[in-house]
C-alpha atoms as a PDB file:
ATOM      1  CA  UNK A   1      24.512  14.547   0.767  1.00  0.00           C
ATOM      2  CA  UNK A   2      20.724  14.549   1.259  1.00  0.00           C
ATOM      3  CA  UNK A   3      20.234  15.886  -2.269  1.00  0.00           C
ATOM      4  CA  UNK A   4      22.291  13.035  -3.760  1.00  0.00           C
ATOM      5  CA  UNK A   5      20.346  10.458  -1.711  1.00  0.00           C
ATOM      6  CA  UNK A   6      17.089  12.006  -2.891  1.00  0.00           C
ATOM      7  CA  UNK A   7      18.227  11.920  -6.528  1.00  0.00           C
ATOM      8  CA  UNK A   8      19.238   8.270  -6.174  1.00  0.00           C
ATOM      9  CA  UNK A   9      15.874   7.428  -4.611  1.00  0.00           C
ATOM     10  CA  UNK A  10      14.099   9.217  -7.483  1.00  0.00           C
ATOM     11  CA  UNK A  11      16.006   7.130 -10.030  1.00  0.00           C
ATOM     12  CA  UNK A  12      15.243   3.903  -8.189  1.00  0.00           C
ATOM     13  CA  UNK A  13      11.553   4.722  -7.850  1.00  0.00           C
ATOM     14  CA  UNK A  14      11.330   5.633 -11.532  1.00  0.00           C
ATOM     15  CA  UNK A  15      12.323   2.035 -12.311  1.00  0.00           C
ATOM     16  CA  UNK A  16       9.615   0.670  -9.995  1.00  0.00           C
ATOM     17  CA  UNK A  17       6.773   2.884 -11.221  1.00  0.00           C
ATOM     18  CA  UNK A  18       4.778   1.232 -14.005  1.00  0.00           C
ATOM     19  CA  UNK A  19       4.696   3.054 -17.337  1.00  0.00           C
ATOM     20  CA  UNK A  20       1.729   5.365 -17.691  1.00  0.00           C
ATOM     21  CA  UNK A  21       1.868   6.906 -14.236  1.00  0.00           C
ATOM     22  CA  UNK A  22       1.621  10.675 -14.244  1.00  0.00           C
ATOM     23  CA  UNK A  23       4.211  12.742 -12.417  1.00  0.00           C
ATOM     24  CA  UNK A  24       4.222  12.439  -8.654  1.00  0.00           C
ATOM     25  CA  UNK A  25       2.333  15.124  -6.764  1.00  0.00           C
ATOM     26  CA  UNK A  26       4.534  14.676  -3.719  1.00  0.00           C
ATOM     27  CA  UNK A  27       7.544  12.654  -2.663  1.00  0.00           C
ATOM     28  CA  UNK A  28       8.725  12.362   0.900  1.00  0.00           C
ATOM     29  CA  UNK A  29      10.664  10.270   3.384  1.00  0.00           C
ATOM     30  CA  UNK A  30       8.477   8.135   5.635  1.00  0.00           C
ATOM     31  CA  UNK A  31       9.851   6.761   8.890  1.00  0.00           C
ATOM     32  CA  UNK A  32       9.637   2.967   9.048  1.00  0.00           C
ATOM     33  CA  UNK A  33      11.606   2.196  12.211  1.00  0.00           C
ATOM     34  CA  UNK A  34      14.109   3.716  14.578  1.00  0.00           C
ATOM     35  CA  UNK A  35      16.517   5.687  12.354  1.00  0.00           C
ATOM     36  CA  UNK A  36      15.135   3.986   9.258  1.00  0.00           C
ATOM     37  CA  UNK A  37      13.078   5.543   6.504  1.00  0.00           C
ATOM     38  CA  UNK A  38      11.872   4.930   2.986  1.00  0.00           C
ATOM     39  CA  UNK A  39      11.268   7.263   0.084  1.00  0.00           C
ATOM     40  CA  UNK A  40       7.633   7.405  -1.087  1.00  0.00           C
ATOM     41  CA  UNK A  41       5.890   9.165  -3.960  1.00  0.00           C
ATOM     42  CA  UNK A  42       2.152   9.750  -4.361  1.00  0.00           C
ATOM     43  CA  UNK A  43       0.635   9.612  -7.858  1.00  0.00           C
ATOM     44  CA  UNK A  44      -2.747  11.404  -7.723  1.00  0.00           C
ATOM     45  CA  UNK A  45      -3.971  10.325 -11.173  1.00  0.00           C
ATOM     46  CA  UNK A  46      -3.896   6.688 -10.088  1.00  0.00           C
ATOM     47  CA  UNK A  47      -4.396   7.204  -6.346  1.00  0.00           C
ATOM     48  CA  UNK A  48      -1.214   5.189  -5.774  1.00  0.00           C
ATOM     49  CA  UNK A  49       1.630   5.667  -3.315  1.00  0.00           C
ATOM     50  CA  UNK A  50       4.834   3.824  -4.172  1.00  0.00           C
ATOM     51  CA  UNK A  51       7.605   3.448  -1.602  1.00  0.00           C
ATOM     52  CA  UNK A  52      11.157   2.219  -1.804  1.00  0.00           C
ATOM     53  CA  UNK A  53      12.823  -0.061   0.709  1.00  0.00           C
ATOM     54  CA  UNK A  54      13.225   0.776   4.368  1.00  0.00           C
ATOM     55  CA  UNK A  55      16.869   1.808   4.852  1.00  0.00           C
ATOM     56  CA  UNK A  56      19.062   3.038   7.699  1.00  0.00           C
ATOM     57  CA  UNK A  57      19.557   6.813   7.793  1.00  0.00           C
ATOM     58  CA  UNK A  58      22.170   8.052  10.253  1.00  0.00           C
END
């Protein structure tokens, strides 16, 4: 289940990341509230961290 959520988050983030970004050095879930988190990826070439929406995670 977690793997499928992670794959979905990767696909969603790939649509948000502007063209020209190098591959992410690290991607992780960041807590953004009680039982809520968002999926973030750090792009070292640009010094940018891009995060998805804060969503409920049971």
